[in-house]
Amino acid sequence: MKRARILYDGTPQWCHLEGDRLHLENGASVAEIDAAFLAVTEPSKVLAPHLTYRSRCVEYEMTHIPEQPHFFMMPSTAVSHHGAEVQRPRGTHFLNYEGEIAVVIGERCSNVTPEVALERIRGYTIANDFGLHDLRHLDRGAMTRVKGIDGYCPIGPYLVDAVDLDPDDLTLRTYVNGEIVQEAHTGSDLMFPIAYQVADLTRHITLLPGDLILTGTPANSRPVEPGDVVEVEVSGIGRLRNTVVEMDHDLVQIGYQPEVTAATLHVALALPEDEAARRAEDYR
C-alpha cells in the first residue's frame, strides 16, 4: 500500500492512495494533484552511505572498489518533503542532486542479521540527497554541512509497505527538467544490498521507529541551478519532485566560507583527482 502524510485542515494526516485520490482515515479524500505533502517520517536520525553503487565507483575511475559501506549522519532538520523548494546559498555553484531509495524503520533494531533487518523495516520511500560541494573542504569529510542544510533531504511522496516491494528489484531514475540523468537497478548496480546496509548499521547504532536510512546514489550526480526541477522516480513507489531556488538571505559571515577546491570538482563533476586539482586553480 502507498501511504502519505499530508496537511489537511491545518493538521498532519495519514492517508493512502487509491487511483488518483488520497483517502484519509476520517473518510475524507483529496485529489493527489491538490495534496499538500509532508515528509513520510519524522526521524530521530538520518544515516546515509558514501559509495554503494558500482556505476559511481566506475565513474570516479576508482582503483579500489569499497569492500564495505561507509556511513555518515545528517540532522533530522535536513528532511523535507515532496514539492518543497531546495535553497542554494548565494555565491555558491555546486549543489548536486543524488537520487536514492530510502528505508523507514518500523521497529527498534539493534545488532541484527540482514534477514531480521528486513523484518524491522516499515517501508520504502524516495530521497534526493542534495549536497552543497562548495563546502566540501569543511568537516573532514563528515558531510555535516555539505548535506545537513535545512531541506537538503526531501523524501516521499509515498511510503510503500515493506511487504509490497522487493528491495533487490527496484529501478531508480533521476530527471532534471524532464531529462533523465541517473538510472540504476538495485539488483545489478547496488554493491551492498539494502538489508545488508541496515544490518551493518545496527551493529553499533540502535535504529528507532521512524529513523531514515538512505542507501546511496548511482553515477551521474551533477550540479543544478536555481529554477531547475529535479525528480527522482523509483519503481513501485512514485516520483519525488523538488525545485531548486536561490536562498533568500545571505549566510552570516563567520568561520570558513564556501570555496571551490579540488575536492569540490572531483565529487561534484566526477573529475579525476589530478584534473580536478588543475581546474581548481582557475577558481583561485
Foldseek 3Di string as FASTA:
>chain_A
DWKFWFQDPNDTFIFHDDDQWTATPVGDIDGVVPTHTWAPFQFQWEKEWEDFWQQACVLLVDPDDDPDTDMAIAHSQQETAFAAEDADEPPAFQKWWFKFKKWFFAAKFAQDALVVLLVRTQFIKIWIQIFRLLCVVPDVNNRHPRRHPGNNIYIDRTTDGSVVDDQLAKWKWKDKPRHTFFIDGNVPTGRAGPSRVSNVVRHPDIGHGRYMYTYGGHPGTAGDDAQIKMWMDMPPGGIGIYGYHHDPDHDPPDDDDRAQALSSCCPRVVDHSVVSHVVSVVRD
